[in-house]
């Protein structure tokens, strides 16, 4: 089972830091332009129970426009007994991924047919941009207003 991010840039943007924190690039995130093949870091997820565990990651590549207007970071997840055997684990989506102590994004995709444990990471900028996007008024809650800015 994957963890949700409890702190860091995404947590700060959603709790108290508001949209202003999401609009500028926080100092604890790494821009996609700085993510390079061979860089090593870690992710956090819950494999069993409720305690997050670290797992190693190594950047394989970045893909521009993996989906329309969305980039992707490809990582390997070596040196973890569960990931070495299973390659990917359902429920890891949303697990934060860090390089040099800075968040690069969240675990989002896995391919079970591969020989190596390879995963796709949604860059943090994509998530922060989405968080800052105004909610259409037709989707806003009727009572109490919306927690994010409303668009036209």
C-alpha atoms as a PDB file:
ATOM      1  CA  UNK A   1       0.000   0.000   0.000  1.00  0.00           C
ATOM      2  CA  UNK A   2       1.338   3.439  -0.881  1.00  0.00           C
ATOM      3  CA  UNK A   3       1.504   6.358   1.451  1.00  0.00           C
ATOM      4  CA  UNK A   4       0.132   9.771   0.885  1.00  0.00           C
ATOM      5  CA  UNK A   5       2.523  12.630   1.311  1.00  0.00           C
ATOM      6  CA  UNK A   6       2.244  14.068   4.786  1.00  0.00           C
ATOM      7  CA  UNK A   7       4.805  16.847   4.563  1.00  0.00           C
ATOM      8  CA  UNK A   8       7.079  18.602   2.131  1.00  0.00           C
ATOM      9  CA  UNK A   9       6.028  20.744  -0.775  1.00  0.00           C
ATOM     10  CA  UNK A  10       2.728  19.090  -1.628  1.00  0.00           C
ATOM     11  CA  UNK A  11       1.586  18.941   1.978  1.00  0.00           C
ATOM     12  CA  UNK A  12       2.581  22.558   2.540  1.00  0.00           C
ATOM     13  CA  UNK A  13       0.796  23.704  -0.613  1.00  0.00           C
ATOM     14  CA  UNK A  14      -2.402  21.994   0.500  1.00  0.00           C
ATOM     15  CA  UNK A  15      -2.270  22.824   4.206  1.00  0.00           C
ATOM     16  CA  UNK A  16      -1.775  26.382   5.292  1.00  0.00           C
ATOM     17  CA  UNK A  17       0.755  27.425   2.646  1.00  0.00           C
ATOM     18  CA  UNK A  18      -2.132  27.755   0.242  1.00  0.00           C
ATOM     19  CA  UNK A  19      -1.984  28.529  -3.401  1.00  0.00           C
ATOM     20  CA  UNK A  20       0.753  31.137  -2.982  1.00  0.00           C
ATOM     21  CA  UNK A  21       3.202  28.349  -2.086  1.00  0.00           C
ATOM     22  CA  UNK A  22       2.041  26.332  -5.080  1.00  0.00           C
ATOM     23  CA  UNK A  23       2.487  29.223  -7.530  1.00  0.00           C
ATOM     24  CA  UNK A  24       6.226  29.638  -6.905  1.00  0.00           C
ATOM     25  CA  UNK A  25       8.661  26.770  -6.849  1.00  0.00           C
ATOM     26  CA  UNK A  26       9.388  25.811  -3.221  1.00  0.00           C
ATOM     27  CA  UNK A  27      13.028  25.313  -2.219  1.00  0.00           C
ATOM     28  CA  UNK A  28      12.429  21.694  -1.170  1.00  0.00           C
ATOM     29  CA  UNK A  29      11.513  20.510  -4.672  1.00  0.00           C
ATOM     30  CA  UNK A  30      13.787  19.738  -7.613  1.00  0.00           C
ATOM     31  CA  UNK A  31      12.752  21.061 -11.030  1.00  0.00           C
ATOM     32  CA  UNK A  32      12.524  18.465 -13.793  1.00  0.00           C
ATOM     33  CA  UNK A  33      15.342  20.261 -15.646  1.00  0.00           C
ATOM     34  CA  UNK A  34      17.732  19.242 -12.837  1.00  0.00           C
ATOM     35  CA  UNK A  35      16.709  15.560 -12.816  1.00  0.00           C
ATOM     36  CA  UNK A  36      19.345  13.555 -14.718  1.00  0.00           C
ATOM     37  CA  UNK A  37      19.817   9.854 -15.538  1.00  0.00           C
ATOM     38  CA  UNK A  38      21.895   8.035 -12.929  1.00  0.00           C
ATOM     39  CA  UNK A  39      20.846  10.256 -10.008  1.00  0.00           C
ATOM     40  CA  UNK A  40      20.036   8.216  -6.905  1.00  0.00           C
ATOM     41  CA  UNK A  41      17.600   8.896  -4.121  1.00  0.00           C
ATOM     42  CA  UNK A  42      14.743   7.289  -2.258  1.00  0.00           C
ATOM     43  CA  UNK A  43      11.002   6.965  -2.014  1.00  0.00           C
ATOM     44  CA  UNK A  44       8.721   6.401   0.950  1.00  0.00           C
ATOM     45  CA  UNK A  45       5.827   3.949   1.037  1.00  0.00           C
ATOM     46  CA  UNK A  46       4.010   1.585   3.376  1.00  0.00           C
ATOM     47  CA  UNK A  47       4.501  -2.046   2.376  1.00  0.00           C
ATOM     48  CA  UNK A  48       2.845  -3.473   5.489  1.00  0.00           C
ATOM     49  CA  UNK A  49       1.110  -1.975   8.517  1.00  0.00           C
ATOM     50  CA  UNK A  50       1.312   1.803   8.918  1.00  0.00           C
ATOM     51  CA  UNK A  51       5.042   2.586   9.047  1.00  0.00           C
ATOM     52  CA  UNK A  52       6.578   4.175   5.925  1.00  0.00           C
ATOM     53  CA  UNK A  53       9.700   2.438   4.579  1.00  0.00           C
ATOM     54  CA  UNK A  54      12.421   3.890   2.392  1.00  0.00           C
ATOM     55  CA  UNK A  55      13.178   2.260  -0.931  1.00  0.00           C
ATOM     56  CA  UNK A  56      16.069   3.140  -3.242  1.00  0.00           C
ATOM     57  CA  UNK A  57      15.476   4.814  -6.588  1.00  0.00           C
ATOM     58  CA  UNK A  58      17.696   5.594  -9.553  1.00  0.00           C
ATOM     59  CA  UNK A  59      16.667   7.881 -12.396  1.00  0.00           C
ATOM     60  CA  UNK A  60      16.616   6.139 -15.776  1.00  0.00           C
ATOM     61  CA  UNK A  61      15.335   9.000 -17.919  1.00  0.00           C
ATOM     62  CA  UNK A  62      12.828  11.806 -18.254  1.00  0.00           C
ATOM     63  CA  UNK A  63      10.129  11.836 -20.936  1.00  0.00           C
ATOM     64  CA  UNK A  64       8.706  15.108 -22.228  1.00  0.00           C
ATOM     65  CA  UNK A  65       5.005  15.001 -23.120  1.00  0.00           C
ATOM     66  CA  UNK A  66       4.532  11.424 -21.934  1.00  0.00           C
ATOM     67  CA  UNK A  67       0.881  12.469 -22.000  1.00  0.00           C
ATOM     68  CA  UNK A  68      -0.375  15.759 -23.429  1.00  0.00           C
ATOM     69  CA  UNK A  69       1.276  18.547 -21.413  1.00  0.00           C
ATOM     70  CA  UNK A  70       2.587  16.075 -18.836  1.00  0.00           C
ATOM     71  CA  UNK A  71       6.153  14.906 -18.404  1.00  0.00           C
ATOM     72  CA  UNK A  72       7.321  11.725 -16.674  1.00  0.00           C
ATOM     73  CA  UNK A  73      10.413  10.616 -14.776  1.00  0.00           C
ATOM     74  CA  UNK A  74      11.398   6.957 -15.209  1.00  0.00           C
ATOM     75  CA  UNK A  75      13.070   5.358 -12.188  1.00  0.00           C
ATOM     76  CA  UNK A  76      14.463   1.967 -11.224  1.00  0.00           C
ATOM     77  CA  UNK A  77      13.700   0.696  -7.731  1.00  0.00           C
ATOM     78  CA  UNK A  78      16.652  -1.608  -6.979  1.00  0.00           C
ATOM     79  CA  UNK A  79      17.776  -3.214  -3.725  1.00  0.00           C
ATOM     80  CA  UNK A  80      14.426  -3.846  -2.093  1.00  0.00           C
ATOM     81  CA  UNK A  81      13.408  -7.488  -1.642  1.00  0.00           C
ATOM     82  CA  UNK A  82       9.721  -6.873  -2.312  1.00  0.00           C
ATOM     83  CA  UNK A  83      10.300  -4.666  -5.356  1.00  0.00           C
ATOM     84  CA  UNK A  84      13.011  -6.963  -6.744  1.00  0.00           C
ATOM     85  CA  UNK A  85      10.496  -9.834  -6.675  1.00  0.00           C
ATOM     86  CA  UNK A  86       7.252  -8.038  -7.565  1.00  0.00           C
ATOM     87  CA  UNK A  87       8.740  -5.244  -9.763  1.00  0.00           C
ATOM     88  CA  UNK A  88       5.855  -2.923  -8.820  1.00  0.00           C
ATOM     89  CA  UNK A  89       3.375  -2.987  -5.987  1.00  0.00           C
ATOM     90  CA  UNK A  90      -0.226  -1.907  -6.464  1.00  0.00           C
ATOM     91  CA  UNK A  91      -1.039   0.867  -4.036  1.00  0.00           C
ATOM     92  CA  UNK A  92       2.302   2.687  -4.241  1.00  0.00           C
ATOM     93  CA  UNK A  93       0.835   5.551  -6.282  1.00  0.00           C
ATOM     94  CA  UNK A  94       1.359   8.828  -4.511  1.00  0.00           C
ATOM     95  CA  UNK A  95       4.496   7.678  -2.702  1.00  0.00           C
ATOM     96  CA  UNK A  96       6.891  10.668  -2.621  1.00  0.00           C
ATOM     97  CA  UNK A  97      10.235  10.366  -4.428  1.00  0.00           C
ATOM     98  CA  UNK A  98      13.311  12.371  -3.360  1.00  0.00           C
ATOM     99  CA  UNK A  99      16.718  13.111  -4.889  1.00  0.00           C
ATOM    100  CA  UNK A 100      19.386  14.916  -2.845  1.00  0.00           C
ATOM    101  CA  UNK A 101      16.763  15.601  -0.177  1.00  0.00           C
ATOM    102  CA  UNK A 102      14.435  17.380  -2.616  1.00  0.00           C
ATOM    103  CA  UNK A 103      11.093  16.061  -3.822  1.00  0.00           C
ATOM    104  CA  UNK A 104      10.923  15.293  -7.531  1.00  0.00           C
ATOM    105  CA  UNK A 105       7.381  13.915  -7.603  1.00  0.00           C
ATOM    106  CA  UNK A 106       5.206  10.952  -6.751  1.00  0.00           C
ATOM    107  CA  UNK A 107       5.221   7.312  -7.819  1.00  0.00           C
ATOM    108  CA  UNK A 108       2.479   7.052 -10.442  1.00  0.00           C
ATOM    109  CA  UNK A 109       2.995   4.210 -12.934  1.00  0.00           C
ATOM    110  CA  UNK A 110       4.354   0.696 -12.930  1.00  0.00           C
ATOM    111  CA  UNK A 111       4.910  -1.896 -15.636  1.00  0.00           C
ATOM    112  CA  UNK A 112       4.564  -5.488 -14.499  1.00  0.00           C
ATOM    113  CA  UNK A 113       5.910  -7.080 -17.679  1.00  0.00           C
ATOM    114  CA  UNK A 114       9.415  -5.647 -17.352  1.00  0.00           C
ATOM    115  CA  UNK A 115      12.571  -7.485 -16.362  1.00  0.00           C
ATOM    116  CA  UNK A 116      13.615  -4.718 -13.965  1.00  0.00           C
ATOM    117  CA  UNK A 117      11.523  -2.856 -11.386  1.00  0.00           C
ATOM    118  CA  UNK A 118      10.804   0.324 -13.398  1.00  0.00           C
ATOM    119  CA  UNK A 119       8.260   2.953 -12.394  1.00  0.00           C
ATOM    120  CA  UNK A 120       6.989   6.291 -13.643  1.00  0.00           C
ATOM    121  CA  UNK A 121       7.005   9.383 -11.443  1.00  0.00           C
ATOM    122  CA  UNK A 122       4.722  12.365 -11.988  1.00  0.00           C
ATOM    123  CA  UNK A 123       6.896  15.485 -11.525  1.00  0.00           C
ATOM    124  CA  UNK A 124       5.995  17.607  -8.501  1.00  0.00           C
ATOM    125  CA  UNK A 125       5.539  20.719 -10.681  1.00  0.00           C
ATOM    126  CA  UNK A 126       2.620  19.022 -12.468  1.00  0.00           C
ATOM    127  CA  UNK A 127       0.953  18.397  -9.113  1.00  0.00           C
ATOM    128  CA  UNK A 128       1.591  21.906  -7.794  1.00  0.00           C
ATOM    129  CA  UNK A 129       0.288  23.421 -11.042  1.00  0.00           C
ATOM    130  CA  UNK A 130      -2.877  21.333 -10.751  1.00  0.00           C
ATOM    131  CA  UNK A 131      -3.324  22.395  -7.137  1.00  0.00           C
ATOM    132  CA  UNK A 132      -3.119  26.069  -8.158  1.00  0.00           C
ATOM    133  CA  UNK A 133      -5.629  25.695 -11.013  1.00  0.00           C
ATOM    134  CA  UNK A 134      -8.942  27.393 -10.212  1.00  0.00           C
ATOM    135  CA  UNK A 135     -11.938  25.148  -9.612  1.00  0.00           C
ATOM    136  CA  UNK A 136     -14.855  25.843 -11.973  1.00  0.00           C
ATOM    137  CA  UNK A 137     -17.726  27.408 -10.030  1.00  0.00           C
ATOM    138  CA  UNK A 138     -20.010  24.608 -11.189  1.00  0.00           C
ATOM    139  CA  UNK A 139     -17.892  22.161  -9.157  1.00  0.00           C
ATOM    140  CA  UNK A 140     -17.623  24.283  -5.991  1.00  0.00           C
ATOM    141  CA  UNK A 141     -19.372  23.080  -2.834  1.00  0.00           C
ATOM    142  CA  UNK A 142     -22.691  24.839  -2.233  1.00  0.00           C
ATOM    143  CA  UNK A 143     -22.169  25.505   1.470  1.00  0.00           C
ATOM    144  CA  UNK A 144     -18.934  26.783   2.953  1.00  0.00           C
ATOM    145  CA  UNK A 145     -17.167  27.809  -0.240  1.00  0.00           C
ATOM    146  CA  UNK A 146     -14.208  26.135  -1.864  1.00  0.00           C
ATOM    147  CA  UNK A 147     -10.808  25.596  -0.242  1.00  0.00           C
ATOM    148  CA  UNK A 148      -9.080  26.610  -3.485  1.00  0.00           C
ATOM    149  CA  UNK A 149      -9.617  29.653  -5.729  1.00  0.00           C
ATOM    150  CA  UNK A 150     -12.673  29.595  -7.938  1.00  0.00           C
ATOM    151  CA  UNK A 151     -12.406  30.382 -11.627  1.00  0.00           C
ATOM    152  CA  UNK A 152     -15.010  31.911 -13.863  1.00  0.00           C
END
